[in-house]
Amino acid sequence: MRERISPNRMNLLNLRSQIATAERGAGILEDKRSALVKKLMSVYKEVISERYDLRGKMQDAASDLFYALGIEGREGVLSAAFAAKREVSVEVTERNVWGVRFPEIHHDTMLRRLDARGYAFMTVSGTVDAAAKRFEILLDTLLMAASDESYMRRIGHEVRKTARRINAIN
């Protein structure tokens, strides 16, 4: 609903000032939206690349696991898995880019040396070691991809929100 104002000189000057302020605000929001869209496209390309990489690493890890299951049997693989169990420490910090807050995941590498896995070399074959190594590499990739995908989702949400604000001003 529009506000009725009398068309005197002071009110018209105030109205002109408000219109100029709204136009400047819309311009700033359009610049923000275009910068966010540019960032979204670059992050999108990274996420797609990481997805393909992740898919390949999952297939390799599953293949090595099935091979180890065939050689060692279910009990041998489970025994090595329980012996190799460990805590995974992940630090989540919050970052702010263009007013978009998103979690950033920091972690140490998940890849361990053979002697750090917790089982004796003589009790398991190299197939179990190969599968464990592939899954540790997969976990590293997964943690990096999770951070980037979260960032992409937040940027997309902010682009939509900024577009709504621009439309409301116009």
Protein backbone atom coordinates (compact mmCIF):
# COMPACT_ATOMS: atom_id res chain seq x y z
CA MET A 1 0.00 0.00 0.00
CA ARG A 2 1.44 3.35 -1.03
CA GLU A 3 1.82 6.16 1.38
CA ARG A 4 0.05 9.40 0.51
CA ILE A 5 2.29 12.43 0.85
CA SER A 6 1.64 15.98 -0.08
CA PRO A 7 3.67 17.04 -3.13
CA ASN A 8 5.53 19.92 -1.55
CA ARG A 9 9.20 20.63 -2.22
CA MET A 10 10.57 19.06 1.00
CA ASN A 11 8.66 15.79 0.60
CA LEU A 12 9.70 15.48 -3.04
CA LEU A 13 13.38 16.04 -2.14
CA ASN A 14 13.13 13.39 0.60
CA LEU A 15 11.48 10.99 -1.83
CA ARG A 16 14.20 11.61 -4.44
CA SER A 17 16.85 10.91 -1.79
CA GLN A 18 15.13 7.65 -0.78
CA ILE A 19 14.91 6.53 -4.42
CA ALA A 20 18.62 7.27 -4.95
CA THR A 21 19.51 5.32 -1.80
CA ALA A 22 17.38 2.36 -2.92
CA GLU A 23 19.03 2.39 -6.37
CA ARG A 24 22.51 2.43 -4.81
CA GLY A 25 21.50 -0.43 -2.52
CA ALA A 26 20.14 -2.43 -5.45
CA GLY A 27 23.40 -1.83 -7.34
CA ILE A 28 25.45 -3.07 -4.42
CA LEU A 29 23.23 -6.14 -4.08
CA GLU A 30 23.54 -6.85 -7.82
CA ASP A 31 27.34 -6.66 -7.53
CA LYS A 32 27.19 -9.03 -4.57
CA ARG A 33 24.96 -11.43 -6.48
CA SER A 34 27.23 -11.46 -9.53
CA ALA A 35 30.32 -12.06 -7.36
CA LEU A 36 28.52 -14.90 -5.55
CA VAL A 37 27.39 -16.46 -8.84
CA LYS A 38 30.97 -16.31 -10.15
CA LYS A 39 32.22 -17.97 -6.96
CA LEU A 40 29.40 -20.53 -7.13
CA MET A 41 30.41 -21.54 -10.66
CA SER A 42 34.06 -22.01 -9.70
CA VAL A 43 33.14 -24.04 -6.60
CA TYR A 44 30.60 -26.02 -8.65
CA LYS A 45 33.32 -27.12 -11.07
CA GLU A 46 35.50 -28.22 -8.13
CA VAL A 47 32.64 -30.14 -6.53
CA ILE A 48 31.79 -31.95 -9.77
CA SER A 49 35.46 -32.87 -10.20
CA GLU A 50 35.63 -34.09 -6.59
CA ARG A 51 32.48 -36.16 -7.10
CA TYR A 52 34.00 -37.99 -10.07
CA ASP A 53 37.24 -38.48 -8.12
CA LEU A 54 35.27 -39.72 -5.12
CA ARG A 55 33.28 -42.17 -7.23
CA GLY A 56 36.48 -43.65 -8.68
CA LYS A 57 38.11 -43.94 -5.27
CA MET A 58 34.99 -45.62 -3.85
CA GLN A 59 35.02 -48.18 -6.64
CA ASP A 60 38.73 -48.85 -6.11
CA ALA A 61 38.30 -49.22 -2.34
CA ALA A 62 35.30 -51.52 -2.72
CA SER A 63 37.17 -53.61 -5.28
CA ASP A 64 40.16 -54.00 -2.95
CA LEU A 65 37.84 -54.85 -0.06
CA PHE A 66 36.08 -57.59 -2.05
CA TYR A 67 39.45 -58.97 -3.11
CA ALA A 68 40.64 -58.98 0.53
CA LEU A 69 37.41 -60.70 1.57
CA GLY A 70 38.06 -63.37 -1.03
CA ILE A 71 41.63 -63.95 0.14
CA GLU A 72 41.33 -63.48 3.92
CA GLY A 73 37.68 -64.30 4.48
CA ARG A 74 35.17 -62.31 6.47
CA GLU A 75 36.73 -63.10 9.85
CA GLY A 76 40.24 -62.10 8.76
CA VAL A 77 39.09 -58.76 7.38
CA LEU A 78 36.88 -58.02 10.42
CA SER A 79 39.73 -58.92 12.77
CA ALA A 80 42.08 -56.51 11.00
CA ALA A 81 39.36 -53.83 10.95
CA PHE A 82 38.81 -54.08 14.70
CA ALA A 83 42.56 -53.98 15.33
CA ALA A 84 42.98 -50.91 13.09
CA LYS A 85 40.15 -48.94 14.71
CA ARG A 86 41.01 -45.37 15.68
CA GLU A 87 39.62 -41.96 16.50
CA VAL A 88 39.26 -39.48 13.66
CA SER A 89 39.83 -35.91 14.77
CA VAL A 90 38.16 -33.23 12.70
CA GLU A 91 38.21 -29.52 13.48
CA VAL A 92 35.35 -27.45 12.13
CA THR A 93 35.82 -23.69 11.93
CA GLU A 94 33.46 -21.09 10.56
CA ARG A 95 34.50 -18.88 7.65
CA ASN A 96 32.80 -15.80 6.26
CA VAL A 97 32.97 -14.91 2.56
CA TRP A 98 30.72 -12.13 1.21
CA GLY A 99 28.56 -12.42 4.31
CA VAL A 100 28.10 -16.16 3.80
CA ARG A 101 29.08 -18.17 6.84
CA PHE A 102 30.05 -21.75 6.17
CA PRO A 103 31.85 -24.53 8.01
CA GLU A 104 35.39 -25.34 6.97
CA ILE A 105 36.65 -28.80 7.86
CA HIS A 106 40.30 -29.21 8.89
CA HIS A 107 41.79 -32.63 9.51
CA ASP A 108 45.08 -34.44 9.62
CA THR A 109 45.71 -36.91 6.86
CA MET A 110 43.90 -40.19 7.38
CA LEU A 111 46.63 -42.20 5.63
CA ARG A 112 48.69 -44.17 8.15
CA ARG A 113 51.89 -46.15 7.91
CA LEU A 114 51.56 -49.93 7.89
CA ASP A 115 52.89 -50.31 11.43
CA ALA A 116 50.42 -47.69 12.75
CA ARG A 117 47.36 -49.71 11.78
CA GLY A 118 47.40 -51.88 14.90
CA TYR A 119 47.69 -55.40 13.53
CA ALA A 120 50.68 -57.67 13.05
CA PHE A 121 52.10 -57.97 9.54
CA MET A 122 52.15 -61.75 9.75
CA THR A 123 48.46 -62.10 10.59
CA VAL A 124 47.02 -60.48 7.46
CA SER A 125 47.91 -60.43 3.79
CA GLY A 126 48.81 -57.44 1.66
CA THR A 127 45.29 -57.35 0.25
CA VAL A 128 43.94 -56.14 3.59
CA ASP A 129 46.65 -53.47 3.74
CA ALA A 130 45.80 -52.35 0.22
CA ALA A 131 42.09 -52.12 1.07
CA ALA A 132 42.83 -50.20 4.28
CA LYS A 133 45.03 -47.76 2.39
CA ARG A 134 42.34 -47.19 -0.26
CA PHE A 135 39.70 -46.51 2.39
CA GLU A 136 41.98 -44.07 4.23
CA ILE A 137 42.55 -42.20 0.95
CA LEU A 138 38.79 -42.27 0.36
CA LEU A 139 38.14 -40.78 3.81
CA ASP A 140 40.57 -37.92 3.11
CA THR A 141 38.80 -37.16 -0.17
CA LEU A 142 35.38 -37.42 1.45
CA LEU A 143 36.22 -34.88 4.16
CA MET A 144 37.51 -32.39 1.58
CA ALA A 145 34.43 -32.88 -0.60
CA ALA A 146 32.08 -32.41 2.37
CA SER A 147 33.57 -29.01 3.13
CA ASP A 148 33.32 -27.85 -0.49
CA GLU A 149 29.76 -29.13 -0.96
CA SER A 150 28.61 -27.37 2.19
CA TYR A 151 30.22 -24.16 0.93
CA MET A 152 28.50 -24.53 -2.45
CA ARG A 153 25.10 -25.09 -0.83
CA ARG A 154 25.47 -22.00 1.35
CA ILE A 155 26.54 -19.82 -1.59
CA GLY A 156 23.54 -21.02 -3.62
CA HIS A 157 21.22 -20.16 -0.74
CA GLU A 158 22.77 -16.69 -0.45
CA VAL A 159 22.41 -16.09 -4.23
CA ARG A 160 18.68 -16.87 -3.98
CA LYS A 161 18.30 -14.64 -0.93
CA THR A 162 20.12 -11.75 -2.61
CA ALA A 163 17.99 -12.11 -5.77
CA ARG A 164 14.82 -11.87 -3.66
CA ARG A 165 16.14 -8.70 -2.01
CA ILE A 166 16.94 -7.14 -5.39
CA ASN A 167 13.46 -7.98 -6.67
CA ALA A 168 11.89 -6.46 -3.55
CA ILE A 169 13.80 -3.20 -4.04
CA ASN A 170 12.92 -2.97 -7.74
